[in-house]
Structures are given as C-alpha cells and as structure tokens.
Amino acid sequence: MTKHRCHSHYETLRVDRRASPERVRMAYRRLAQKFHPDKHAGKRAAATVMVLINQAYEVLSDPAQRAGYDDWLAAEETRPPADSLGPAAAVFIPDRFGWAGWLLWAIVSVAVLTVGFVLLKTMMPSHAPPIRPALAAQPAPAEVAQSLTPAQTVRPWTEPVRTALPPNEETDPVARLVREGTLQKPSRRYAGAP
C-alpha cells in the first residue's frame, strides 16, 4: 500500500523540511534568478513557475504560516490513500496505455472493419442486372438500318484569325511610364512597329 503524497512548498523550493529560514531564503533567490520571466521571454510556463515559487516562499518565510503548513502536511500524510476511499474514488481511472495504446487500438479497429467489409462484399451475391420490361415488337434489323441517318462530317479545328487591337493609352505599360515621367517618350523606331 502506497502512502498518499502531495507536492509541497518544500519540494517547490527544493529544500528539506528542517531547513533554516536562511536556507529557505537562499533557495528562493537561486530559483527566482533561474526562473524569472524576464530571462525566459515569451514562455508562459516561466511565469507560472515563478508564481509557484513566490507562493512557496511566502508560506515558508513566515514562521506562523510555516508551522500551520507543517501541521497540514502531517495531517495529509496520515490520511488514508485515495484508493481506500471506496467506490467514489473509482470515478477517475488513469490512462494506463498512453497514446501508443490508443494508436494500436485505432489500427486494430480499422483492420477489423476492413476485413469485415471485404468478407461482406465477397459473401454477398453481386448485383443482378435490372429487369427490362418486355418490348411489344422489336423492329427488324433492316428497318433499323434504314431509319438511321448518316453522321455529319466533323471539320478539323483551325486557329482563329488574330486581329490586332488598336493601342490603348490607358492600359499600355510604356504609355503609363511616360505619363509618370519615369521613361522618355520612345522614338518611332523603337515603338514596336517594324
């Protein structure tokens, strides 16, 4: 049978229960320098750790609070473990398998479902062709051949004729650069006409 254990302020400051007030102060200063949020910018965990360190030092630095806290810890250690509390404690069941167990469970489930689907498809008869209603009178092949019209010939695709659009001063990039003063007006020789 294991003893009920809770995390204590002594463990937060990493000192012994019989540590002197000077030793508690030294441990607090060492941890405050190590985990100060300014040294760990952008990490929210550093601020949380620093809050825990401050709370532990606040309790352990005051002799009256420390005595009350020691009494509370002694009472917690003599209390029976949570396992012996009866059916009310069985509400929470810890995950014993972790993520690897859940991954294995998912893979096995998919494999069983796949095998079941394949077996179901192989055991079931294939779909029968739909039943067609009986036709009153089917035409003779000669009549069918006469009623068919010959297919039209398909002409091959030809590329459409390209027509040159008149120059548009509003969308022409060279004209825009000339308007903005970035480029001098080009001579006719280089205007794009051969």
N, C-alpha and C. Protein backbone atom coordinates (compact mmCIF):
# COMPACT_ATOMS: atom_id res chain seq x y z
N MET A 1 0.84 -1.17 0.00
CA MET A 1 0.00 0.00 0.00
C MET A 1 0.89 1.24 0.00
N THR A 2 0.63 2.14 -0.96
CA THR A 2 1.45 3.35 -1.06
C THR A 2 0.84 4.46 -0.24
N LYS A 3 1.72 5.35 0.25
CA LYS A 3 1.25 6.48 1.04
C LYS A 3 0.77 7.58 0.11
N HIS A 4 -0.23 8.31 0.59
CA HIS A 4 -0.73 9.46 -0.16
C HIS A 4 0.30 10.58 -0.07
N ARG A 5 0.70 11.11 -1.22
CA ARG A 5 1.71 12.14 -1.25
C ARG A 5 1.24 13.31 -2.07
N CYS A 6 1.43 14.52 -1.58
CA CYS A 6 1.09 15.71 -2.35
C CYS A 6 2.36 16.55 -2.54
N HIS A 7 2.37 17.34 -3.55
CA HIS A 7 3.52 18.21 -3.83
C HIS A 7 3.53 19.33 -2.79
N SER A 8 4.64 19.56 -2.17
CA SER A 8 4.70 20.54 -1.09
C SER A 8 5.52 21.75 -1.50
N HIS A 9 5.40 22.80 -0.69
CA HIS A 9 6.20 24.01 -0.92
C HIS A 9 7.68 23.72 -0.72
N TYR A 10 8.00 22.76 0.11
CA TYR A 10 9.41 22.39 0.30
C TYR A 10 9.98 21.83 -0.99
N GLU A 11 9.20 21.03 -1.68
CA GLU A 11 9.67 20.47 -2.96
C GLU A 11 9.76 21.56 -4.02
N THR A 12 8.87 22.54 -3.95
CA THR A 12 8.94 23.64 -4.91
C THR A 12 10.24 24.42 -4.75
N LEU A 13 10.61 24.70 -3.50
CA LEU A 13 11.86 25.44 -3.27
C LEU A 13 13.08 24.53 -3.20
N ARG A 14 12.86 23.23 -3.25
CA ARG A 14 13.94 22.23 -3.24
C ARG A 14 14.78 22.32 -1.97
N VAL A 15 14.07 22.36 -0.84
CA VAL A 15 14.75 22.39 0.47
C VAL A 15 14.15 21.29 1.33
N ASP A 16 14.87 20.96 2.42
CA ASP A 16 14.41 19.97 3.38
C ASP A 16 13.41 20.63 4.33
N ARG A 17 12.57 19.82 4.99
CA ARG A 17 11.59 20.36 5.92
C ARG A 17 12.23 21.01 7.14
N ARG A 18 13.40 20.57 7.47
CA ARG A 18 14.08 21.14 8.63
C ARG A 18 15.02 22.29 8.23
N ALA A 19 14.87 22.83 7.04
CA ALA A 19 15.76 23.89 6.56
C ALA A 19 15.56 25.17 7.36
N SER A 20 16.65 25.86 7.59
CA SER A 20 16.59 27.12 8.35
C SER A 20 15.99 28.22 7.46
N PRO A 21 15.53 29.31 8.07
CA PRO A 21 14.98 30.42 7.27
C PRO A 21 16.01 30.99 6.30
N GLU A 22 17.30 31.00 6.67
CA GLU A 22 18.34 31.49 5.75
C GLU A 22 18.47 30.58 4.54
N ARG A 23 18.39 29.28 4.80
CA ARG A 23 18.47 28.30 3.69
C ARG A 23 17.27 28.44 2.77
N VAL A 24 16.08 28.69 3.33
CA VAL A 24 14.87 28.89 2.51
C VAL A 24 15.03 30.15 1.66
N ARG A 25 15.56 31.23 2.26
CA ARG A 25 15.76 32.48 1.53
C ARG A 25 16.77 32.29 0.39
N MET A 26 17.87 31.57 0.66
CA MET A 26 18.88 31.32 -0.39
C MET A 26 18.30 30.50 -1.53
N ALA A 27 17.51 29.47 -1.18
CA ALA A 27 16.89 28.64 -2.22
C ALA A 27 15.92 29.47 -3.05
N TYR A 28 15.16 30.35 -2.40
CA TYR A 28 14.21 31.20 -3.12
C TYR A 28 14.95 32.12 -4.09
N ARG A 29 16.00 32.76 -3.63
CA ARG A 29 16.76 33.67 -4.50
C ARG A 29 17.37 32.94 -5.69
N ARG A 30 17.92 31.75 -5.44
CA ARG A 30 18.52 30.97 -6.52
C ARG A 30 17.47 30.61 -7.57
N LEU A 31 16.31 30.13 -7.14
CA LEU A 31 15.26 29.75 -8.09
C LEU A 31 14.63 30.95 -8.77
N ALA A 32 14.51 32.07 -8.04
CA ALA A 32 13.95 33.28 -8.64
C ALA A 32 14.85 33.80 -9.75
N GLN A 33 16.16 33.72 -9.55
CA GLN A 33 17.07 34.14 -10.61
C GLN A 33 17.02 33.18 -11.80
N LYS A 34 16.87 31.91 -11.51
CA LYS A 34 16.88 30.91 -12.58
C LYS A 34 15.60 30.95 -13.42
N PHE A 35 14.43 31.10 -12.77
CA PHE A 35 13.16 31.01 -13.47
C PHE A 35 12.44 32.34 -13.64
N HIS A 36 13.13 33.43 -13.50
CA HIS A 36 12.47 34.73 -13.63
C HIS A 36 11.93 34.90 -15.06
N PRO A 37 10.69 35.40 -15.23
CA PRO A 37 10.10 35.54 -16.57
C PRO A 37 10.88 36.44 -17.50
N ASP A 38 11.64 37.41 -16.97
CA ASP A 38 12.43 38.27 -17.85
C ASP A 38 13.53 37.49 -18.54
N LYS A 39 14.04 36.44 -17.93
CA LYS A 39 15.08 35.62 -18.55
C LYS A 39 14.50 34.63 -19.55
N HIS A 40 13.19 34.38 -19.45
CA HIS A 40 12.51 33.44 -20.35
C HIS A 40 11.38 34.16 -21.07
N ALA A 41 11.73 35.15 -21.84
CA ALA A 41 10.72 35.97 -22.52
C ALA A 41 9.92 35.12 -23.51
N GLY A 42 8.62 35.31 -23.48
CA GLY A 42 7.75 34.60 -24.41
C GLY A 42 7.30 33.23 -23.93
N LYS A 43 7.75 32.79 -22.76
CA LYS A 43 7.36 31.48 -22.24
C LYS A 43 6.41 31.68 -21.06
N ARG A 44 5.15 31.25 -21.24
CA ARG A 44 4.16 31.41 -20.18
C ARG A 44 4.46 30.48 -19.01
N ALA A 45 5.14 29.38 -19.25
CA ALA A 45 5.44 28.43 -18.18
C ALA A 45 6.37 29.06 -17.14
N ALA A 46 7.25 29.95 -17.57
CA ALA A 46 8.17 30.59 -16.62
C ALA A 46 7.40 31.45 -15.63
N ALA A 47 6.38 32.15 -16.09
CA ALA A 47 5.58 32.96 -15.17
C ALA A 47 4.81 32.08 -14.20
N THR A 48 4.31 30.94 -14.67
CA THR A 48 3.59 30.02 -13.79
C THR A 48 4.52 29.44 -12.73
N VAL A 49 5.72 29.07 -13.14
CA VAL A 49 6.70 28.52 -12.19
C VAL A 49 7.08 29.58 -11.17
N MET A 50 7.23 30.82 -11.63
CA MET A 50 7.61 31.89 -10.71
C MET A 50 6.50 32.16 -9.70
N VAL A 51 5.24 32.05 -10.10
CA VAL A 51 4.12 32.21 -9.17
C VAL A 51 4.17 31.13 -8.09
N LEU A 52 4.45 29.90 -8.49
CA LEU A 52 4.55 28.81 -7.50
C LEU A 52 5.71 29.03 -6.54
N ILE A 53 6.83 29.50 -7.06
CA ILE A 53 7.99 29.77 -6.21
C ILE A 53 7.67 30.88 -5.21
N ASN A 54 6.99 31.94 -5.67
CA ASN A 54 6.63 33.05 -4.77
C ASN A 54 5.66 32.59 -3.69
N GLN A 55 4.67 31.76 -4.06
CA GLN A 55 3.72 31.26 -3.07
C GLN A 55 4.43 30.41 -2.02
N ALA A 56 5.33 29.55 -2.45
CA ALA A 56 6.05 28.68 -1.52
C ALA A 56 6.90 29.52 -0.57
N TYR A 57 7.58 30.55 -1.09
CA TYR A 57 8.43 31.37 -0.22
C TYR A 57 7.58 32.19 0.74
N GLU A 58 6.41 32.65 0.27
CA GLU A 58 5.54 33.44 1.14
C GLU A 58 5.11 32.62 2.35
N VAL A 59 4.79 31.33 2.14
CA VAL A 59 4.36 30.48 3.24
C VAL A 59 5.55 30.10 4.13
N LEU A 60 6.65 29.71 3.53
CA LEU A 60 7.77 29.19 4.32
C LEU A 60 8.61 30.28 4.98
N SER A 61 8.50 31.52 4.54
CA SER A 61 9.30 32.58 5.16
C SER A 61 8.65 33.11 6.43
N ASP A 62 7.34 32.97 6.56
CA ASP A 62 6.64 33.42 7.77
C ASP A 62 6.57 32.25 8.76
N PRO A 63 7.11 32.40 9.98
CA PRO A 63 7.13 31.28 10.93
C PRO A 63 5.74 30.76 11.29
N ALA A 64 4.75 31.63 11.42
CA ALA A 64 3.40 31.18 11.80
C ALA A 64 2.77 30.38 10.65
N GLN A 65 2.89 30.90 9.44
CA GLN A 65 2.33 30.17 8.29
C GLN A 65 3.05 28.85 8.08
N ARG A 66 4.35 28.85 8.30
CA ARG A 66 5.13 27.63 8.11
C ARG A 66 4.71 26.57 9.12
N ALA A 67 4.45 26.94 10.36
CA ALA A 67 4.02 25.98 11.38
C ALA A 67 2.65 25.39 11.01
N GLY A 68 1.74 26.24 10.56
CA GLY A 68 0.42 25.75 10.14
C GLY A 68 0.53 24.84 8.93
N TYR A 69 1.41 25.20 8.01
CA TYR A 69 1.60 24.38 6.82
C TYR A 69 2.20 23.02 7.18
N ASP A 70 3.14 23.00 8.12
CA ASP A 70 3.73 21.72 8.55
C ASP A 70 2.67 20.83 9.20
N ASP A 71 1.78 21.42 9.99
CA ASP A 71 0.69 20.64 10.60
C ASP A 71 -0.23 20.06 9.51
N TRP A 72 -0.54 20.88 8.52
CA TRP A 72 -1.41 20.40 7.43
C TRP A 72 -0.74 19.26 6.66
N LEU A 73 0.57 19.38 6.38
CA LEU A 73 1.29 18.31 5.68
C LEU A 73 1.29 17.02 6.49
N ALA A 74 1.48 17.12 7.80
CA ALA A 74 1.46 15.92 8.65
C ALA A 74 0.09 15.27 8.61
N ALA A 75 -0.97 16.06 8.62
CA ALA A 75 -2.33 15.50 8.55
C ALA A 75 -2.57 14.84 7.19
N GLU A 76 -2.06 15.43 6.12
CA GLU A 76 -2.23 14.84 4.78
C GLU A 76 -1.51 13.50 4.67
N GLU A 77 -0.35 13.38 5.30
CA GLU A 77 0.41 12.14 5.21
C GLU A 77 -0.21 11.02 6.04
N THR A 78 -0.92 11.37 7.10
CA THR A 78 -1.55 10.32 7.92
C THR A 78 -2.93 9.94 7.39
N ARG A 79 -3.48 10.73 6.49
CA ARG A 79 -4.79 10.42 5.91
C ARG A 79 -4.68 9.18 5.03
N PRO A 80 -5.71 8.32 4.96
CA PRO A 80 -5.62 7.13 4.11
C PRO A 80 -5.54 7.52 2.64
N PRO A 81 -4.90 6.67 1.85
CA PRO A 81 -4.77 6.98 0.42
C PRO A 81 -6.13 7.00 -0.27
N ALA A 82 -6.17 7.64 -1.43
CA ALA A 82 -7.43 7.81 -2.17
C ALA A 82 -7.98 6.48 -2.64
N ASP A 83 -7.14 5.44 -2.80
CA ASP A 83 -7.61 4.15 -3.29
C ASP A 83 -8.53 3.47 -2.28
N SER A 84 -8.37 3.76 -0.98
CA SER A 84 -9.16 3.08 0.03
C SER A 84 -10.43 3.85 0.38
N LEU A 85 -10.79 4.87 -0.40
CA LEU A 85 -11.97 5.66 -0.10
C LEU A 85 -13.26 4.99 -0.54
N GLY A 86 -13.19 3.98 -1.34
CA GLY A 86 -14.40 3.27 -1.76
C GLY A 86 -14.78 3.58 -3.20
N PRO A 87 -16.06 3.33 -3.55
CA PRO A 87 -16.47 3.48 -4.95
C PRO A 87 -16.45 4.92 -5.44
N ALA A 88 -16.50 5.90 -4.55
CA ALA A 88 -16.48 7.29 -5.00
C ALA A 88 -15.15 7.64 -5.65
N ALA A 89 -14.08 7.01 -5.23
CA ALA A 89 -12.76 7.31 -5.80
C ALA A 89 -12.55 6.63 -7.13
N ALA A 90 -13.42 5.71 -7.52
CA ALA A 90 -13.25 4.99 -8.78
C ALA A 90 -13.79 5.76 -9.97
N VAL A 91 -14.18 7.01 -9.77
CA VAL A 91 -14.70 7.81 -10.88
C VAL A 91 -13.60 8.10 -11.88
N PHE A 92 -12.41 8.40 -11.39
CA PHE A 92 -11.29 8.70 -12.28
C PHE A 92 -10.43 7.46 -12.43
N ILE A 93 -10.28 7.00 -13.67
CA ILE A 93 -9.43 5.86 -13.97
C ILE A 93 -8.26 6.37 -14.81
N PRO A 94 -7.05 6.25 -14.34
CA PRO A 94 -5.93 6.80 -15.11
C PRO A 94 -5.71 6.02 -16.41
N ASP A 95 -5.18 6.72 -17.39
CA ASP A 95 -4.89 6.11 -18.68
C ASP A 95 -3.59 5.32 -18.55
N ARG A 96 -3.70 4.00 -18.60
CA ARG A 96 -2.52 3.16 -18.39
C ARG A 96 -1.77 2.88 -19.68
N PHE A 97 -2.41 3.10 -20.82
CA PHE A 97 -1.79 2.71 -22.08
C PHE A 97 -1.13 3.89 -22.79
N GLY A 98 -1.59 5.10 -22.57
CA GLY A 98 -0.99 6.26 -23.21
C GLY A 98 -1.36 6.32 -24.68
N TRP A 99 -0.67 7.19 -25.39
CA TRP A 99 -1.01 7.41 -26.80
C TRP A 99 -0.70 6.19 -27.65
N ALA A 100 0.30 5.41 -27.28
CA ALA A 100 0.65 4.23 -28.08
C ALA A 100 -0.47 3.19 -28.02
N GLY A 101 -1.09 3.03 -26.87
CA GLY A 101 -2.21 2.09 -26.75
C GLY A 101 -3.40 2.52 -27.58
N TRP A 102 -3.69 3.83 -27.57
CA TRP A 102 -4.80 4.32 -28.37
C TRP A 102 -4.51 4.19 -29.86
N LEU A 103 -3.27 4.40 -30.26
CA LEU A 103 -2.91 4.24 -31.67
C LEU A 103 -3.05 2.79 -32.09
N LEU A 104 -2.61 1.87 -31.26
CA LEU A 104 -2.76 0.45 -31.55
C LEU A 104 -4.23 0.07 -31.64
N TRP A 105 -5.05 0.59 -30.74
CA TRP A 105 -6.48 0.32 -30.76
C TRP A 105 -7.11 0.83 -32.06
N ALA A 106 -6.71 2.01 -32.53
CA ALA A 106 -7.26 2.56 -33.77
C ALA A 106 -6.85 1.72 -34.97
N ILE A 107 -5.60 1.26 -35.00
CA ILE A 107 -5.13 0.46 -36.14
C ILE A 107 -5.86 -0.87 -36.18
N VAL A 108 -6.00 -1.52 -35.03
CA VAL A 108 -6.71 -2.81 -34.98
C VAL A 108 -8.17 -2.62 -35.38
N SER A 109 -8.79 -1.54 -34.94
CA SER A 109 -10.19 -1.30 -35.29
C SER A 109 -10.37 -1.13 -36.79
N VAL A 110 -9.48 -0.36 -37.42
CA VAL A 110 -9.57 -0.15 -38.86
C VAL A 110 -9.33 -1.47 -39.60
N ALA A 111 -8.39 -2.28 -39.13
CA ALA A 111 -8.12 -3.56 -39.78
C ALA A 111 -9.33 -4.49 -39.66
N VAL A 112 -9.96 -4.56 -38.49
CA VAL A 112 -11.13 -5.43 -38.32
C VAL A 112 -12.28 -4.96 -39.19
N LEU A 113 -12.50 -3.66 -39.24
CA LEU A 113 -13.58 -3.15 -40.09
C LEU A 113 -13.30 -3.41 -41.57
N THR A 114 -12.05 -3.30 -41.99
CA THR A 114 -11.70 -3.56 -43.39
C THR A 114 -11.92 -5.03 -43.73
N VAL A 115 -11.47 -5.93 -42.88
CA VAL A 115 -11.65 -7.36 -43.13
C VAL A 115 -13.14 -7.69 -43.16
N GLY A 116 -13.91 -7.12 -42.24
CA GLY A 116 -15.35 -7.36 -42.23
C GLY A 116 -16.01 -6.87 -43.49
N PHE A 117 -15.62 -5.70 -43.98
CA PHE A 117 -16.20 -5.17 -45.21
C PHE A 117 -15.86 -6.06 -46.41
N VAL A 118 -14.61 -6.52 -46.49
CA VAL A 118 -14.21 -7.38 -47.60
C VAL A 118 -14.98 -8.70 -47.55
N LEU A 119 -15.10 -9.28 -46.36
CA LEU A 119 -15.87 -10.53 -46.24
C LEU A 119 -17.33 -10.31 -46.61
N LEU A 120 -17.90 -9.22 -46.22
CA LEU A 120 -19.29 -8.93 -46.55
C LEU A 120 -19.47 -8.79 -48.05
N LYS A 121 -18.55 -8.11 -48.71
CA LYS A 121 -18.65 -7.94 -50.17
C LYS A 121 -18.43 -9.25 -50.91
N THR A 122 -17.57 -10.14 -50.42
CA THR A 122 -17.33 -11.39 -51.13
C THR A 122 -18.45 -12.41 -50.88
N MET A 123 -19.09 -12.35 -49.73
CA MET A 123 -20.16 -13.30 -49.42
C MET A 123 -21.49 -12.92 -50.07
N MET A 124 -21.71 -11.64 -50.23
CA MET A 124 -22.98 -11.19 -50.81
C MET A 124 -22.96 -11.44 -52.31
N PRO A 125 -24.10 -11.84 -52.90
CA PRO A 125 -24.12 -12.01 -54.35
C PRO A 125 -24.00 -10.66 -55.03
N SER A 126 -23.43 -10.70 -56.22
CA SER A 126 -23.27 -9.45 -56.95
C SER A 126 -24.64 -8.97 -57.41
N HIS A 127 -24.71 -7.74 -57.74
CA HIS A 127 -25.99 -7.17 -58.14
C HIS A 127 -26.47 -7.81 -59.44
N ALA A 128 -27.71 -8.21 -59.46
CA ALA A 128 -28.30 -8.78 -60.68
C ALA A 128 -28.61 -7.64 -61.63
N PRO A 129 -28.52 -7.89 -62.94
CA PRO A 129 -28.84 -6.81 -63.88
C PRO A 129 -30.32 -6.42 -63.73
N PRO A 130 -30.63 -5.18 -63.95
CA PRO A 130 -32.02 -4.76 -63.81
C PRO A 130 -32.93 -5.49 -64.80
N ILE A 131 -34.12 -5.74 -64.38
CA ILE A 131 -35.09 -6.44 -65.24
C ILE A 131 -35.68 -5.42 -66.20
N ARG A 132 -35.59 -5.73 -67.49
CA ARG A 132 -36.12 -4.84 -68.51
C ARG A 132 -37.53 -5.27 -68.85
N PRO A 133 -38.40 -4.32 -69.03
CA PRO A 133 -39.74 -4.71 -69.44
C PRO A 133 -39.72 -5.23 -70.87
N ALA A 134 -40.56 -6.17 -71.12
CA ALA A 134 -40.62 -6.77 -72.47
C ALA A 134 -41.16 -5.74 -73.46
N LEU A 135 -40.49 -5.64 -74.61
CA LEU A 135 -40.93 -4.72 -75.65
C LEU A 135 -42.04 -5.37 -76.46
N ALA A 136 -42.95 -4.56 -76.91
CA ALA A 136 -44.09 -5.09 -77.66
C ALA A 136 -43.62 -5.74 -78.95
N ALA A 137 -42.93 -5.01 -79.75
CA ALA A 137 -42.46 -5.57 -81.01
C ALA A 137 -41.14 -4.90 -81.35
N GLN A 138 -40.12 -5.70 -81.50
CA GLN A 138 -38.82 -5.13 -81.85
C GLN A 138 -38.72 -5.03 -83.36
N PRO A 139 -38.22 -3.90 -83.83
CA PRO A 139 -38.11 -3.75 -85.28
C PRO A 139 -37.04 -4.67 -85.86
N ALA A 140 -37.20 -5.01 -87.07
CA ALA A 140 -36.24 -5.88 -87.77
C ALA A 140 -34.97 -5.09 -88.03
N PRO A 141 -33.83 -5.76 -88.15
CA PRO A 141 -32.57 -5.05 -88.37
C PRO A 141 -32.56 -4.21 -89.64
N ALA A 142 -33.25 -4.60 -90.66
CA ALA A 142 -33.27 -3.83 -91.92
C ALA A 142 -33.99 -2.51 -91.69
N GLU A 143 -35.05 -2.52 -90.93
CA GLU A 143 -35.79 -1.29 -90.66
C GLU A 143 -34.95 -0.33 -89.82
N VAL A 144 -34.19 -0.89 -88.90
CA VAL A 144 -33.34 -0.05 -88.07
C VAL A 144 -32.27 0.60 -88.92
N ALA A 145 -31.67 -0.11 -89.84
CA ALA A 145 -30.62 0.43 -90.70
C ALA A 145 -31.16 1.54 -91.58
N GLN A 146 -32.41 1.44 -92.06
CA GLN A 146 -32.98 2.48 -92.92
C GLN A 146 -33.32 3.74 -92.12
N SER A 147 -33.66 3.58 -90.85
CA SER A 147 -34.07 4.75 -90.07
C SER A 147 -32.87 5.56 -89.56
N LEU A 148 -31.69 5.00 -89.63
CA LEU A 148 -30.51 5.72 -89.18
C LEU A 148 -30.07 6.74 -90.22
N THR A 149 -29.71 7.94 -89.76
CA THR A 149 -29.19 8.96 -90.68
C THR A 149 -27.68 8.94 -90.59
N PRO A 150 -27.03 9.21 -91.70
CA PRO A 150 -25.56 9.20 -91.66
C PRO A 150 -25.05 10.35 -90.79
N ALA A 151 -23.92 10.10 -90.16
CA ALA A 151 -23.30 11.09 -89.28
C ALA A 151 -22.71 12.22 -90.10
N GLN A 152 -22.77 13.40 -89.55
CA GLN A 152 -22.20 14.56 -90.24
C GLN A 152 -20.68 14.51 -90.10
N THR A 153 -20.02 15.00 -91.11
CA THR A 153 -18.56 15.02 -91.05
C THR A 153 -18.12 16.16 -90.13
N VAL A 154 -17.05 15.90 -89.44
CA VAL A 154 -16.53 16.87 -88.50
C VAL A 154 -15.30 17.52 -89.13
N ARG A 155 -15.33 18.84 -89.17
CA ARG A 155 -14.19 19.55 -89.74
C ARG A 155 -13.10 19.69 -88.67
N PRO A 156 -11.85 19.63 -89.09
CA PRO A 156 -10.78 19.79 -88.10
C PRO A 156 -10.75 21.22 -87.58
N TRP A 157 -10.18 21.36 -86.39
CA TRP A 157 -10.12 22.66 -85.76
C TRP A 157 -9.06 23.51 -86.42
N THR A 158 -9.40 24.75 -86.63
CA THR A 158 -8.42 25.70 -87.17
C THR A 158 -8.31 26.87 -86.19
N GLU A 159 -7.13 27.41 -86.14
CA GLU A 159 -6.91 28.51 -85.21
C GLU A 159 -7.57 29.76 -85.75
N PRO A 160 -8.24 30.49 -84.88
CA PRO A 160 -8.91 31.71 -85.35
C PRO A 160 -7.90 32.76 -85.78
N VAL A 161 -8.36 33.63 -86.63
CA VAL A 161 -7.50 34.70 -87.15
C VAL A 161 -7.33 35.74 -86.05
N ARG A 162 -6.11 36.13 -85.84
CA ARG A 162 -5.83 37.14 -84.82
C ARG A 162 -5.94 38.52 -85.46
N THR A 163 -6.65 39.36 -84.74
CA THR A 163 -6.77 40.73 -85.21
C THR A 163 -6.03 41.62 -84.23
N ALA A 164 -5.34 42.57 -84.75
CA ALA A 164 -4.58 43.49 -83.90
C ALA A 164 -5.53 44.55 -83.36
N LEU A 165 -5.44 44.76 -82.08
CA LEU A 165 -6.26 45.78 -81.45
C LEU A 165 -5.55 47.11 -81.53
N PRO A 166 -6.30 48.19 -81.61
CA PRO A 166 -5.63 49.49 -81.62
C PRO A 166 -4.98 49.73 -80.26
N PRO A 167 -3.88 50.44 -80.23
CA PRO A 167 -3.20 50.66 -78.94
C PRO A 167 -4.10 51.45 -77.99
N ASN A 168 -4.08 51.06 -76.76
CA ASN A 168 -4.88 51.72 -75.73
C ASN A 168 -3.92 52.45 -74.80
N GLU A 169 -4.04 53.75 -74.76
CA GLU A 169 -3.11 54.56 -73.97
C GLU A 169 -3.28 54.33 -72.47
N GLU A 170 -4.48 53.91 -72.06
CA GLU A 170 -4.72 53.73 -70.63
C GLU A 170 -4.10 52.45 -70.08
N THR A 171 -4.04 51.39 -70.90
CA THR A 171 -3.53 50.11 -70.41
C THR A 171 -2.13 49.80 -70.89
N ASP A 172 -1.59 50.58 -71.77
CA ASP A 172 -0.25 50.32 -72.29
C ASP A 172 0.79 50.65 -71.21
N PRO A 173 1.65 49.68 -70.83
CA PRO A 173 2.60 49.94 -69.75
C PRO A 173 3.64 51.01 -70.11
N VAL A 174 4.04 51.07 -71.36
CA VAL A 174 5.04 52.07 -71.76
C VAL A 174 4.43 53.47 -71.68
N ALA A 175 3.16 53.58 -72.11
CA ALA A 175 2.50 54.89 -72.04
C ALA A 175 2.33 55.32 -70.59
N ARG A 176 2.08 54.40 -69.69
CA ARG A 176 1.95 54.74 -68.27
C ARG A 176 3.27 55.26 -67.72
N LEU A 177 4.37 54.59 -68.10
CA LEU A 177 5.69 55.04 -67.63
C LEU A 177 6.03 56.42 -68.18
N VAL A 178 5.60 56.69 -69.41
CA VAL A 178 5.85 58.01 -69.99
C VAL A 178 5.02 59.06 -69.25
N ARG A 179 3.74 58.75 -68.93
CA ARG A 179 2.89 59.68 -68.19
C ARG A 179 3.46 59.99 -66.82
N GLU A 180 4.03 58.98 -66.16
CA GLU A 180 4.58 59.18 -64.82
C GLU A 180 5.93 59.89 -64.84
N GLY A 181 6.53 59.99 -65.99
CA GLY A 181 7.81 60.67 -66.09
C GLY A 181 8.99 59.77 -65.83
N THR A 182 8.76 58.47 -65.71
CA THR A 182 9.84 57.53 -65.46
C THR A 182 10.63 57.25 -66.74
N LEU A 183 9.94 57.32 -67.86
CA LEU A 183 10.55 56.96 -69.15
C LEU A 183 10.30 58.10 -70.12
N GLN A 184 11.30 58.37 -70.99
CA GLN A 184 11.09 59.37 -72.03
C GLN A 184 10.30 58.72 -73.16
N LYS A 185 9.60 59.54 -73.90
CA LYS A 185 8.78 59.01 -74.99
C LYS A 185 9.70 58.35 -76.02
N PRO A 186 9.43 57.05 -76.33
CA PRO A 186 10.32 56.38 -77.28
C PRO A 186 10.11 56.90 -78.70
N SER A 187 11.16 56.79 -79.45
CA SER A 187 11.06 57.24 -80.86
C SER A 187 10.27 56.22 -81.64
N ARG A 188 9.85 56.57 -82.84
CA ARG A 188 9.06 55.65 -83.68
C ARG A 188 9.86 54.41 -84.04
N ARG A 189 11.15 54.54 -84.08
CA ARG A 189 11.99 53.41 -84.46
C ARG A 189 11.84 52.27 -83.47
N TYR A 190 11.70 52.59 -82.17
CA TYR A 190 11.61 51.57 -81.14
C TYR A 190 10.19 51.43 -80.58
N ALA A 191 9.21 51.95 -81.23
CA ALA A 191 7.84 51.95 -80.69
C ALA A 191 7.17 50.61 -80.86
N GLY A 192 7.82 49.64 -81.39
CA GLY A 192 7.24 48.31 -81.54
C GLY A 192 6.81 48.00 -82.95
N ALA A 193 6.79 49.01 -83.83
CA ALA A 193 6.42 48.76 -85.22
C ALA A 193 7.68 48.45 -86.00
N PRO A 194 7.63 47.47 -86.88
CA PRO A 194 8.85 47.12 -87.65
C PRO A 194 9.15 48.09 -88.74
